């Protein structure tokens, strides 16, 4: 199955679980699109917003598109800005925080789950 769509045509969903603040996600490519191996998500984090501190059994690959922020992974916190790439190993506690005045926007790729 082929898919080509502008990202703004994919509905943004508010992330509310786990104590997230000011976070929305667009599932750009997912299993329903015929992607058997990987899902691509676009996150927007509002100023002073953050994703929940959490872990899971799969890895993440992240590309920072816009904004200023930090990533906490395990005991390490790293500042990020456009052009940064981030790898989060499986089972590592992690979260993303917006430390800037504009939106923090990033792509996140994960394995498709059953």
PDB file of N, CA and C in Angstrom:
ATOM      1  N   UNK A   1       0.844  -1.172   0.000  1.00  0.00           N
ATOM      2  CA  UNK A   1       0.000   0.000   0.000  1.00  0.00           C
ATOM      3  C   UNK A   1       0.897   1.245   0.000  1.00  0.00           C
ATOM      4  N   UNK A   2       0.584   2.202  -0.851  1.00  0.00           N
ATOM      5  CA  UNK A   2       1.342   3.453  -0.966  1.00  0.00           C
ATOM      6  C   UNK A   2       0.602   4.558  -0.226  1.00  0.00           C
ATOM      7  N   UNK A   3       1.374   5.451   0.410  1.00  0.00           N
ATOM      8  CA  UNK A   3       0.767   6.590   1.094  1.00  0.00           C
ATOM      9  C   UNK A   3       1.640   7.813   0.859  1.00  0.00           C
ATOM     10  N   UNK A   4       1.029   8.904   0.452  1.00  0.00           N
ATOM     11  CA  UNK A   4       1.711  10.189   0.338  1.00  0.00           C
ATOM     12  C   UNK A   4       0.687  11.246   0.738  1.00  0.00           C
ATOM     13  N   UNK A   5       0.956  11.929   1.857  1.00  0.00           N
ATOM     14  CA  UNK A   5       0.014  12.912   2.384  1.00  0.00           C
ATOM     15  C   UNK A   5       0.798  13.989   3.131  1.00  0.00           C
ATOM     16  N   UNK A   6       0.330  15.215   3.075  1.00  0.00           N
ATOM     17  CA  UNK A   6       0.965  16.281   3.853  1.00  0.00           C
ATOM     18  C   UNK A   6       0.685  16.014   5.326  1.00  0.00           C
ATOM     19  N   UNK A   7       1.672  16.228   6.171  1.00  0.00           N
ATOM     20  CA  UNK A   7       1.527  15.880   7.583  1.00  0.00           C
ATOM     21  C   UNK A   7       0.352  16.594   8.250  1.00  0.00           C
ATOM     22  N   UNK A   8      -0.020  17.777   7.787  1.00  0.00           N
ATOM     23  CA  UNK A   8      -1.122  18.519   8.401  1.00  0.00           C
ATOM     24  C   UNK A   8      -2.473  17.861   8.166  1.00  0.00           C
ATOM     25  N   UNK A   9      -2.520  16.920   7.235  1.00  0.00           N
ATOM     26  CA  UNK A   9      -3.769  16.191   6.960  1.00  0.00           C
ATOM     27  C   UNK A   9      -3.932  14.986   7.882  1.00  0.00           C
ATOM     28  N   UNK A  10      -2.903  14.715   8.677  1.00  0.00           N
ATOM     29  CA  UNK A  10      -2.963  13.635   9.661  1.00  0.00           C
ATOM     30  C   UNK A  10      -3.384  14.262  10.983  1.00  0.00           C
ATOM     31  N   UNK A  11      -4.434  13.746  11.585  1.00  0.00           N
ATOM     32  CA  UNK A  11      -4.985  14.335  12.800  1.00  0.00           C
ATOM     33  C   UNK A  11      -4.003  14.269  13.961  1.00  0.00           C
ATOM     34  N   UNK A  12      -3.869  15.391  14.666  1.00  0.00           N
ATOM     35  CA  UNK A  12      -3.047  15.445  15.876  1.00  0.00           C
ATOM     36  C   UNK A  12      -3.886  14.987  17.057  1.00  0.00           C
ATOM     37  N   UNK A  13      -3.287  14.145  17.895  1.00  0.00           N
ATOM     38  CA  UNK A  13      -3.953  13.643  19.097  1.00  0.00           C
ATOM     39  C   UNK A  13      -3.203  14.166  20.314  1.00  0.00           C
ATOM     40  N   UNK A  14      -3.943  14.635  21.311  1.00  0.00           N
ATOM     41  CA  UNK A  14      -3.311  15.073  22.553  1.00  0.00           C
ATOM     42  C   UNK A  14      -2.801  13.839  23.310  1.00  0.00           C
ATOM     43  N   UNK A  15      -1.595  13.941  23.846  1.00  0.00           N
ATOM     44  CA  UNK A  15      -1.033  12.875  24.674  1.00  0.00           C
ATOM     45  C   UNK A  15      -1.372  13.233  26.117  1.00  0.00           C
ATOM     46  N   UNK A  16      -2.181  12.415  26.745  1.00  0.00           N
ATOM     47  CA  UNK A  16      -2.633  12.709  28.101  1.00  0.00           C
ATOM     48  C   UNK A  16      -2.139  11.701  29.124  1.00  0.00           C
ATOM     49  N   UNK A  17      -1.801  10.493  28.693  1.00  0.00           N
ATOM     50  CA  UNK A  17      -1.404   9.467  29.660  1.00  0.00           C
ATOM     51  C   UNK A  17      -0.026   9.744  30.230  1.00  0.00           C
ATOM     52  N   UNK A  18       0.185   9.235  31.416  1.00  0.00           N
ATOM     53  CA  UNK A  18       1.497   9.273  32.046  1.00  0.00           C
ATOM     54  C   UNK A  18       1.941  10.618  32.567  1.00  0.00           C
ATOM     55  N   UNK A  19       1.046  11.608  32.574  1.00  0.00           N
ATOM     56  CA  UNK A  19       1.415  12.912  33.089  1.00  0.00           C
ATOM     57  C   UNK A  19       2.058  13.827  32.065  1.00  0.00           C
ATOM     58  N   UNK A  20       1.828  13.572  30.773  1.00  0.00           N
ATOM     59  CA  UNK A  20       2.357  14.468  29.746  1.00  0.00           C
ATOM     60  C   UNK A  20       1.725  15.847  29.896  1.00  0.00           C
ATOM     61  N   UNK A  21       2.472  16.878  29.473  1.00  0.00           N
ATOM     62  CA  UNK A  21       1.953  18.241  29.527  1.00  0.00           C
ATOM     63  C   UNK A  21       2.236  18.933  28.194  1.00  0.00           C
ATOM     64  N   UNK A  22       1.180  19.393  27.516  1.00  0.00           N
ATOM     65  CA  UNK A  22       1.341  20.164  26.288  1.00  0.00           C
ATOM     66  C   UNK A  22       1.926  19.386  25.129  1.00  0.00           C
ATOM     67  N   UNK A  23       1.551  18.103  24.985  1.00  0.00           N
ATOM     68  CA  UNK A  23       2.131  17.241  23.956  1.00  0.00           C
ATOM     69  C   UNK A  23       1.033  16.737  23.022  1.00  0.00           C
ATOM     70  N   UNK A  24       1.302  16.815  21.718  1.00  0.00           N
ATOM     71  CA  UNK A  24       0.417  16.180  20.735  1.00  0.00           C
ATOM     72  C   UNK A  24       1.257  15.320  19.805  1.00  0.00           C
ATOM     73  N   UNK A  25       0.610  14.307  19.224  1.00  0.00           N
ATOM     74  CA  UNK A  25       1.299  13.375  18.323  1.00  0.00           C
ATOM     75  C   UNK A  25       0.446  13.153  17.082  1.00  0.00           C
ATOM     76  N   UNK A  26       1.115  13.043  15.952  1.00  0.00           N
ATOM     77  CA  UNK A  26       0.483  12.642  14.692  1.00  0.00           C
ATOM     78  C   UNK A  26       1.140  11.327  14.276  1.00  0.00           C
ATOM     79  N   UNK A  27       0.346  10.279  14.116  1.00  0.00           N
ATOM     80  CA  UNK A  27       0.851   8.993  13.647  1.00  0.00           C
ATOM     81  C   UNK A  27       0.918   9.073  12.124  1.00  0.00           C
ATOM     82  N   UNK A  28       2.071   9.486  11.588  1.00  0.00           N
ATOM     83  CA  UNK A  28       2.221   9.733  10.162  1.00  0.00           C
ATOM     84  C   UNK A  28       2.165   8.455   9.345  1.00  0.00           C
ATOM     85  N   UNK A  29       2.847   7.428   9.817  1.00  0.00           N
ATOM     86  CA  UNK A  29       2.847   6.116   9.155  1.00  0.00           C
ATOM     87  C   UNK A  29       2.696   5.074  10.248  1.00  0.00           C
ATOM     88  N   UNK A  30       1.765   4.149  10.030  1.00  0.00           N
ATOM     89  CA  UNK A  30       1.491   3.124  11.048  1.00  0.00           C
ATOM     90  C   UNK A  30       1.069   1.833  10.380  1.00  0.00           C
ATOM     91  N   UNK A  31       0.828   0.848  11.187  1.00  0.00           N
ATOM     92  CA  UNK A  31       0.470  -0.486  10.698  1.00  0.00           C
ATOM     93  C   UNK A  31      -0.739  -0.443   9.756  1.00  0.00           C
ATOM     94  N   UNK A  32      -1.742   0.394  10.071  1.00  0.00           N
ATOM     95  CA  UNK A  32      -2.927   0.509   9.216  1.00  0.00           C
ATOM     96  C   UNK A  32      -2.603   1.002   7.811  1.00  0.00           C
ATOM     97  N   UNK A  33      -1.439   1.643   7.644  1.00  0.00           N
ATOM     98  CA  UNK A  33      -1.004   2.133   6.339  1.00  0.00           C
ATOM     99  C   UNK A  33      -0.237   1.064   5.559  1.00  0.00           C
ATOM    100  N   UNK A  34      -0.053  -0.105   6.164  1.00  0.00           N
ATOM    101  CA  UNK A  34       0.695  -1.179   5.525  1.00  0.00           C
ATOM    102  C   UNK A  34       2.137  -1.275   5.999  1.00  0.00           C
ATOM    103  N   UNK A  35       2.510  -0.464   6.981  1.00  0.00           N
ATOM    104  CA  UNK A  35       3.871  -0.497   7.518  1.00  0.00           C
ATOM    105  C   UNK A  35       3.967  -1.623   8.539  1.00  0.00           C
ATOM    106  N   UNK A  36       4.625  -2.693   8.184  1.00  0.00           N
ATOM    107  CA  UNK A  36       4.721  -3.860   9.055  1.00  0.00           C
ATOM    108  C   UNK A  36       5.838  -3.766  10.078  1.00  0.00           C
ATOM    109  N   UNK A  37       6.830  -2.897   9.826  1.00  0.00           N
ATOM    110  CA  UNK A  37       8.018  -2.897  10.670  1.00  0.00           C
ATOM    111  C   UNK A  37       8.172  -1.665  11.551  1.00  0.00           C
ATOM    112  N   UNK A  38       7.916  -0.472  11.008  1.00  0.00           N
ATOM    113  CA  UNK A  38       8.169   0.760  11.746  1.00  0.00           C
ATOM    114  C   UNK A  38       6.985   1.708  11.662  1.00  0.00           C
ATOM    115  N   UNK A  39       6.801   2.483  12.721  1.00  0.00           N
ATOM    116  CA  UNK A  39       5.824   3.572  12.737  1.00  0.00           C
ATOM    117  C   UNK A  39       6.593   4.884  12.819  1.00  0.00           C
ATOM    118  N   UNK A  40       6.070   5.920  12.133  1.00  0.00           N
ATOM    119  CA  UNK A  40       6.654   7.255  12.182  1.00  0.00           C
ATOM    120  C   UNK A  40       5.643   8.195  12.826  1.00  0.00           C
ATOM    121  N   UNK A  41       6.118   8.894  13.873  1.00  0.00           N
ATOM    122  CA  UNK A  41       5.245   9.809  14.594  1.00  0.00           C
ATOM    123  C   UNK A  41       5.878  11.201  14.611  1.00  0.00           C
ATOM    124  N   UNK A  42       5.029  12.230  14.602  1.00  0.00           N
ATOM    125  CA  UNK A  42       5.480  13.610  14.719  1.00  0.00           C
ATOM    126  C   UNK A  42       4.932  14.169  16.019  1.00  0.00           C
ATOM    127  N   UNK A  43       5.833  14.593  16.896  1.00  0.00           N
ATOM    128  CA  UNK A  43       5.445  15.152  18.189  1.00  0.00           C
ATOM    129  C   UNK A  43       5.614  16.667  18.182  1.00  0.00           C
ATOM    130  N   UNK A  44       4.667  17.361  18.793  1.00  0.00           N
ATOM    131  CA  UNK A  44       4.769  18.785  19.095  1.00  0.00           C
ATOM    132  C   UNK A  44       4.656  18.924  20.603  1.00  0.00           C
ATOM    133  N   UNK A  45       5.624  19.624  21.186  1.00  0.00           N
ATOM    134  CA  UNK A  45       5.625  19.857  22.629  1.00  0.00           C
ATOM    135  C   UNK A  45       5.600  21.374  22.837  1.00  0.00           C
ATOM    136  N   UNK A  46       4.578  21.847  23.507  1.00  0.00           N
ATOM    137  CA  UNK A  46       4.415  23.279  23.764  1.00  0.00           C
ATOM    138  C   UNK A  46       5.489  23.781  24.737  1.00  0.00           C
ATOM    139  N   UNK A  47       5.755  25.104  24.744  1.00  0.00           N
ATOM    140  CA  UNK A  47       6.718  25.646  25.715  1.00  0.00           C
ATOM    141  C   UNK A  47       6.374  25.200  27.141  1.00  0.00           C
ATOM    142  N   UNK A  48       7.373  24.781  27.877  1.00  0.00           N
ATOM    143  CA  UNK A  48       7.268  24.251  29.247  1.00  0.00           C
ATOM    144  C   UNK A  48       6.574  22.893  29.295  1.00  0.00           C
ATOM    145  N   UNK A  49       6.303  22.296  28.138  1.00  0.00           N
ATOM    146  CA  UNK A  49       5.677  20.975  28.093  1.00  0.00           C
ATOM    147  C   UNK A  49       6.705  19.863  28.143  1.00  0.00           C
ATOM    148  N   UNK A  50       6.204  18.638  28.337  1.00  0.00           N
ATOM    149  CA  UNK A  50       7.099  17.478  28.424  1.00  0.00           C
ATOM    150  C   UNK A  50       6.311  16.197  28.189  1.00  0.00           C
ATOM    151  N   UNK A  51       7.037  15.194  27.715  1.00  0.00           N
ATOM    152  CA  UNK A  51       6.468  13.853  27.607  1.00  0.00           C
ATOM    153  C   UNK A  51       6.629  13.172  28.966  1.00  0.00           C
ATOM    154  N   UNK A  52       5.853  12.127  29.226  1.00  0.00           N
ATOM    155  CA  UNK A  52       6.013  11.449  30.518  1.00  0.00           C
ATOM    156  C   UNK A  52       7.365  10.742  30.615  1.00  0.00           C
ATOM    157  N   UNK A  53       7.878  10.638  31.826  1.00  0.00           N
ATOM    158  CA  UNK A  53       9.080   9.839  32.081  1.00  0.00           C
ATOM    159  C   UNK A  53       8.623   8.389  32.093  1.00  0.00           C
ATOM    160  N   UNK A  54       9.117   7.597  31.134  1.00  0.00           N
ATOM    161  CA  UNK A  54       8.634   6.231  30.975  1.00  0.00           C
ATOM    162  C   UNK A  54       9.691   5.362  30.295  1.00  0.00           C
ATOM    163  N   UNK A  55       9.425   4.078  30.235  1.00  0.00           N
ATOM    164  CA  UNK A  55      10.288   3.144  29.510  1.00  0.00           C
ATOM    165  C   UNK A  55       9.409   2.063  28.892  1.00  0.00           C
ATOM    166  N   UNK A  56       9.966   1.369  27.921  1.00  0.00           N
ATOM    167  CA  UNK A  56       9.287   0.244  27.276  1.00  0.00           C
ATOM    168  C   UNK A  56      10.323  -0.622  26.593  1.00  0.00           C
ATOM    169  N   UNK A  57       9.895  -1.723  26.056  1.00  0.00           N
ATOM    170  CA  UNK A  57      10.826  -2.738  25.565  1.00  0.00           C
ATOM    171  C   UNK A  57      11.369  -2.476  24.159  1.00  0.00           C
ATOM    172  N   UNK A  58      10.963  -1.395  23.511  1.00  0.00           N
ATOM    173  CA  UNK A  58      11.454  -1.111  22.165  1.00  0.00           C
ATOM    174  C   UNK A  58      12.314   0.150  22.158  1.00  0.00           C
ATOM    175  N   UNK A  59      13.113   0.262  21.096  1.00  0.00           N
ATOM    176  CA  UNK A  59      13.980   1.419  20.910  1.00  0.00           C
ATOM    177  C   UNK A  59      13.228   2.546  20.210  1.00  0.00           C
ATOM    178  N   UNK A  60      13.809   3.757  20.264  1.00  0.00           N
ATOM    179  CA  UNK A  60      13.312   4.933  19.540  1.00  0.00           C
ATOM    180  C   UNK A  60      14.452   5.488  18.695  1.00  0.00           C
ATOM    181  N   UNK A  61      14.114   5.996  17.544  1.00  0.00           N
ATOM    182  CA  UNK A  61      15.019   6.852  16.775  1.00  0.00           C
ATOM    183  C   UNK A  61      14.297   8.181  16.612  1.00  0.00           C
ATOM    184  N   UNK A  62      14.944   9.275  16.982  1.00  0.00           N
ATOM    185  CA  UNK A  62      14.307  10.594  17.015  1.00  0.00           C
ATOM    186  C   UNK A  62      15.155  11.583  16.222  1.00  0.00           C
ATOM    187  N   UNK A  63      14.473  12.471  15.481  1.00  0.00           N
ATOM    188  CA  UNK A  63      15.135  13.561  14.761  1.00  0.00           C
ATOM    189  C   UNK A  63      14.454  14.860  15.171  1.00  0.00           C
ATOM    190  N   UNK A  64      15.223  15.790  15.737  1.00  0.00           N
ATOM    191  CA  UNK A  64      14.677  17.067  16.199  1.00  0.00           C
ATOM    192  C   UNK A  64      14.548  18.007  14.990  1.00  0.00           C
ATOM    193  N   UNK A  65      13.327  18.495  14.756  1.00  0.00           N
ATOM    194  CA  UNK A  65      13.048  19.372  13.620  1.00  0.00           C
ATOM    195  C   UNK A  65      13.084  20.851  13.992  1.00  0.00           C
ATOM    196  N   UNK A  66      12.444  21.215  15.101  1.00  0.00           N
ATOM    197  CA  UNK A  66      12.319  22.615  15.502  1.00  0.00           C
ATOM    198  C   UNK A  66      12.365  22.735  17.016  1.00  0.00           C
ATOM    199  N   UNK A  67      12.768  23.906  17.488  1.00  0.00           N
ATOM    200  CA  UNK A  67      12.681  24.227  18.902  1.00  0.00           C
ATOM    201  C   UNK A  67      13.930  23.882  19.699  1.00  0.00           C
ATOM    202  N   UNK A  68      13.806  24.124  20.987  1.00  0.00           N
ATOM    203  CA  UNK A  68      14.884  23.877  21.942  1.00  0.00           C
ATOM    204  C   UNK A  68      14.344  22.971  23.034  1.00  0.00           C
ATOM    205  N   UNK A  69      15.146  22.025  23.455  1.00  0.00           N
ATOM    206  CA  UNK A  69      14.665  21.139  24.501  1.00  0.00           C
ATOM    207  C   UNK A  69      15.777  20.348  25.131  1.00  0.00           C
ATOM    208  N   UNK A  70      15.357  19.381  25.919  1.00  0.00           N
ATOM    209  CA  UNK A  70      16.303  18.444  26.516  1.00  0.00           C
ATOM    210  C   UNK A  70      15.680  17.059  26.505  1.00  0.00           C
ATOM    211  N   UNK A  71      16.546  16.075  26.481  1.00  0.00           N
ATOM    212  CA  UNK A  71      16.146  14.674  26.542  1.00  0.00           C
ATOM    213  C   UNK A  71      16.790  14.073  27.773  1.00  0.00           C
ATOM    214  N   UNK A  72      15.971  13.479  28.611  1.00  0.00           N
ATOM    215  CA  UNK A  72      16.464  12.729  29.751  1.00  0.00           C
ATOM    216  C   UNK A  72      16.390  11.260  29.375  1.00  0.00           C
ATOM    217  N   UNK A  73      17.531  10.569  29.431  1.00  0.00           N
ATOM    218  CA  UNK A  73      17.591   9.137  29.130  1.00  0.00           C
ATOM    219  C   UNK A  73      18.446   8.496  30.216  1.00  0.00           C
ATOM    220  N   UNK A  74      17.806   7.661  31.033  1.00  0.00           N
ATOM    221  CA  UNK A  74      18.517   7.122  32.192  1.00  0.00           C
ATOM    222  C   UNK A  74      18.865   8.258  33.124  1.00  0.00           C
ATOM    223  N   UNK A  75      20.149   8.400  33.455  1.00  0.00           N
ATOM    224  CA  UNK A  75      20.617   9.477  34.332  1.00  0.00           C
ATOM    225  C   UNK A  75      21.238  10.635  33.558  1.00  0.00           C
ATOM    226  N   UNK A  76      21.147  10.603  32.223  1.00  0.00           N
ATOM    227  CA  UNK A  76      21.797  11.613  31.395  1.00  0.00           C
ATOM    228  C   UNK A  76      20.761  12.548  30.781  1.00  0.00           C
ATOM    229  N   UNK A  77      20.954  13.858  30.977  1.00  0.00           N
ATOM    230  CA  UNK A  77      20.092  14.856  30.335  1.00  0.00           C
ATOM    231  C   UNK A  77      20.938  15.627  29.334  1.00  0.00           C
ATOM    232  N   UNK A  78      20.437  15.733  28.095  1.00  0.00           N
ATOM    233  CA  UNK A  78      21.173  16.368  27.011  1.00  0.00           C
ATOM    234  C   UNK A  78      20.308  17.419  26.347  1.00  0.00           C
ATOM    235  N   UNK A  79      20.871  18.601  26.105  1.00  0.00           N
ATOM    236  CA  UNK A  79      20.168  19.647  25.363  1.00  0.00           C
ATOM    237  C   UNK A  79      20.101  19.247  23.896  1.00  0.00           C
ATOM    238  N   UNK A  80      18.965  19.552  23.258  1.00  0.00           N
ATOM    239  CA  UNK A  80      18.792  19.248  21.837  1.00  0.00           C
ATOM    240  C   UNK A  80      18.186  20.458  21.126  1.00  0.00           C
ATOM    241  N   UNK A  81      18.459  20.543  19.831  1.00  0.00           N
ATOM    242  CA  UNK A  81      17.950  21.596  18.969  1.00  0.00           C
ATOM    243  C   UNK A  81      17.855  21.023  17.552  1.00  0.00           C
ATOM    244  N   UNK A  82      17.341  21.788  16.597  1.00  0.00           N
ATOM    245  CA  UNK A  82      17.160  21.252  15.242  1.00  0.00           C
ATOM    246  C   UNK A  82      18.430  20.609  14.690  1.00  0.00           C
ATOM    247  N   UNK A  83      18.235  19.436  14.100  1.00  0.00           N
ATOM    248  CA  UNK A  83      19.338  18.685  13.517  1.00  0.00           C
ATOM    249  C   UNK A  83      19.893  17.597  14.410  1.00  0.00           C
ATOM    250  N   UNK A  84      19.562  17.618  15.691  1.00  0.00           N
ATOM    251  CA  UNK A  84      20.028  16.559  16.597  1.00  0.00           C
ATOM    252  C   UNK A  84      19.282  15.258  16.302  1.00  0.00           C
ATOM    253  N   UNK A  85      20.005  14.161  16.410  1.00  0.00           N
ATOM    254  CA  UNK A  85      19.404  12.832  16.347  1.00  0.00           C
ATOM    255  C   UNK A  85      19.599  12.180  17.705  1.00  0.00           C
ATOM    256  N   UNK A  86      18.617  11.393  18.113  1.00  0.00           N
ATOM    257  CA  UNK A  86      18.619  10.771  19.436  1.00  0.00           C
ATOM    258  C   UNK A  86      18.259   9.302  19.276  1.00  0.00           C
ATOM    259  N   UNK A  87      19.032   8.441  19.930  1.00  0.00           N
ATOM    260  CA  UNK A  87      18.703   7.016  19.992  1.00  0.00           C
ATOM    261  C   UNK A  87      18.400   6.678  21.448  1.00  0.00           C
ATOM    262  N   UNK A  88      17.218   6.138  21.689  1.00  0.00           N
ATOM    263  CA  UNK A  88      16.824   5.696  23.033  1.00  0.00           C
ATOM    264  C   UNK A  88      16.793   4.170  23.019  1.00  0.00           C
ATOM    265  N   UNK A  89      17.680   3.517  23.772  1.00  0.00           N
ATOM    266  CA  UNK A  89      17.693   2.055  23.803  1.00  0.00           C
ATOM    267  C   UNK A  89      16.444   1.493  24.493  1.00  0.00           C
ATOM    268  N   UNK A  90      16.132   0.230  24.244  1.00  0.00           N
ATOM    269  CA  UNK A  90      15.013  -0.411  24.938  1.00  0.00           C
ATOM    270  C   UNK A  90      15.206  -0.363  26.457  1.00  0.00           C
ATOM    271  N   UNK A  91      14.107  -0.275  27.170  1.00  0.00           N
ATOM    272  CA  UNK A  91      14.057  -0.348  28.636  1.00  0.00           C
ATOM    273  C   UNK A  91      14.760   0.808  29.360  1.00  0.00           C
ATOM    274  N   UNK A  92      15.050   1.904  28.668  1.00  0.00           N
ATOM    275  CA  UNK A  92      15.654   3.086  29.300  1.00  0.00           C
ATOM    276  C   UNK A  92      14.550   4.091  29.626  1.00  0.00           C
ATOM    277  N   UNK A  93      14.520   4.564  30.880  1.00  0.00           N
ATOM    278  CA  UNK A  93      13.560   5.616  31.253  1.00  0.00           C
ATOM    279  C   UNK A  93      13.962   6.892  30.523  1.00  0.00           C
ATOM    280  N   UNK A  94      12.980   7.557  29.913  1.00  0.00           N
ATOM    281  CA  UNK A  94      13.283   8.727  29.106  1.00  0.00           C
ATOM    282  C   UNK A  94      12.095   9.686  29.048  1.00  0.00           C
ATOM    283  N   UNK A  95      12.408  10.945  28.740  1.00  0.00           N
ATOM    284  CA  UNK A  95      11.374  11.942  28.463  1.00  0.00           C
ATOM    285  C   UNK A  95      12.007  13.087  27.680  1.00  0.00           C
ATOM    286  N   UNK A  96      11.157  13.829  26.986  1.00  0.00           N
ATOM    287  CA  UNK A  96      11.553  15.010  26.226  1.00  0.00           C
ATOM    288  C   UNK A  96      10.905  16.225  26.873  1.00  0.00           C
ATOM    289  N   UNK A  97      11.675  17.311  27.013  1.00  0.00           N
ATOM    290  CA  UNK A  97      11.168  18.542  27.618  1.00  0.00           C
ATOM    291  C   UNK A  97      11.409  19.705  26.662  1.00  0.00           C
ATOM    292  N   UNK A  98      10.442  20.587  26.566  1.00  0.00           N
ATOM    293  CA  UNK A  98      10.615  21.811  25.796  1.00  0.00           C
ATOM    294  C   UNK A  98      11.172  22.874  26.733  1.00  0.00           C
ATOM    295  N   UNK A  99      12.364  23.381  26.424  1.00  0.00           N
ATOM    296  CA  UNK A  99      13.001  24.410  27.245  1.00  0.00           C
ATOM    297  C   UNK A  99      13.030  25.761  26.538  1.00  0.00           C
ATOM    298  N   UNK A 100      12.401  25.832  25.362  1.00  0.00           N
ATOM    299  CA  UNK A 100      12.434  27.064  24.580  1.00  0.00           C
ATOM    300  C   UNK A 100      11.138  27.850  24.652  1.00  0.00           C
ATOM    301  N   UNK A 101      11.058  28.875  23.810  1.00  0.00           N
ATOM    302  CA  UNK A 101       9.889  29.751  23.764  1.00  0.00           C
ATOM    303  C   UNK A 101       8.889  29.330  22.689  1.00  0.00           C
ATOM    304  N   UNK A 102       9.320  28.530  21.714  1.00  0.00           N
ATOM    305  CA  UNK A 102       8.445  28.023  20.662  1.00  0.00           C
ATOM    306  C   UNK A 102       8.215  26.538  20.847  1.00  0.00           C
ATOM    307  N   UNK A 103       7.485  25.931  19.903  1.00  0.00           N
ATOM    308  CA  UNK A 103       7.232  24.493  19.972  1.00  0.00           C
ATOM    309  C   UNK A 103       8.520  23.697  19.771  1.00  0.00           C
ATOM    310  N   UNK A 104       8.625  22.600  20.479  1.00  0.00           N
ATOM    311  CA  UNK A 104       9.644  21.584  20.214  1.00  0.00           C
ATOM    312  C   UNK A 104       8.956  20.548  19.335  1.00  0.00           C
ATOM    313  N   UNK A 105       9.515  20.297  18.149  1.00  0.00           N
ATOM    314  CA  UNK A 105       8.906  19.355  17.195  1.00  0.00           C
ATOM    315  C   UNK A 105       9.948  18.318  16.815  1.00  0.00           C
ATOM    316  N   UNK A 106       9.536  17.039  16.863  1.00  0.00           N
ATOM    317  CA  UNK A 106      10.471  15.981  16.479  1.00  0.00           C
ATOM    318  C   UNK A 106       9.741  14.803  15.857  1.00  0.00           C
ATOM    319  N   UNK A 107      10.475  14.107  14.978  1.00  0.00           N
ATOM    320  CA  UNK A 107      10.018  12.839  14.420  1.00  0.00           C
ATOM    321  C   UNK A 107      10.515  11.732  15.317  1.00  0.00           C
ATOM    322  N   UNK A 108       9.681  10.717  15.515  1.00  0.00           N
ATOM    323  CA  UNK A 108      10.043   9.578  16.351  1.00  0.00           C
ATOM    324  C   UNK A 108       9.644   8.310  15.603  1.00  0.00           C
ATOM    325  N   UNK A 109      10.596   7.418  15.395  1.00  0.00           N
ATOM    326  CA  UNK A 109      10.330   6.142  14.737  1.00  0.00           C
ATOM    327  C   UNK A 109      10.452   5.027  15.754  1.00  0.00           C
ATOM    328  N   UNK A 110       9.464   4.135  15.745  1.00  0.00           N
ATOM    329  CA  UNK A 110       9.445   2.998  16.661  1.00  0.00           C
ATOM    330  C   UNK A 110       9.021   1.764  15.888  1.00  0.00           C
ATOM    331  N   UNK A 111       9.311   0.577  16.411  1.00  0.00           N
ATOM    332  CA  UNK A 111       8.797  -0.638  15.777  1.00  0.00           C
ATOM    333  C   UNK A 111       7.270  -0.669  15.882  1.00  0.00           C
ATOM    334  N   UNK A 112       6.644  -1.204  14.851  1.00  0.00           N
ATOM    335  CA  UNK A 112       5.190  -1.407  14.925  1.00  0.00           C
ATOM    336  C   UNK A 112       4.906  -2.488  15.951  1.00  0.00           C
ATOM    337  N   UNK A 113       3.884  -2.247  16.751  1.00  0.00           N
ATOM    338  CA  UNK A 113       3.484  -3.216  17.777  1.00  0.00           C
ATOM    339  C   UNK A 113       2.279  -3.979  17.278  1.00  0.00           C
ATOM    340  N   UNK A 114       2.151  -5.188  17.712  1.00  0.00           N
ATOM    341  CA  UNK A 114       0.989  -6.013  17.332  1.00  0.00           C
ATOM    342  C   UNK A 114      -0.263  -5.471  17.957  1.00  0.00           C
TER     343      UNK A 114
END
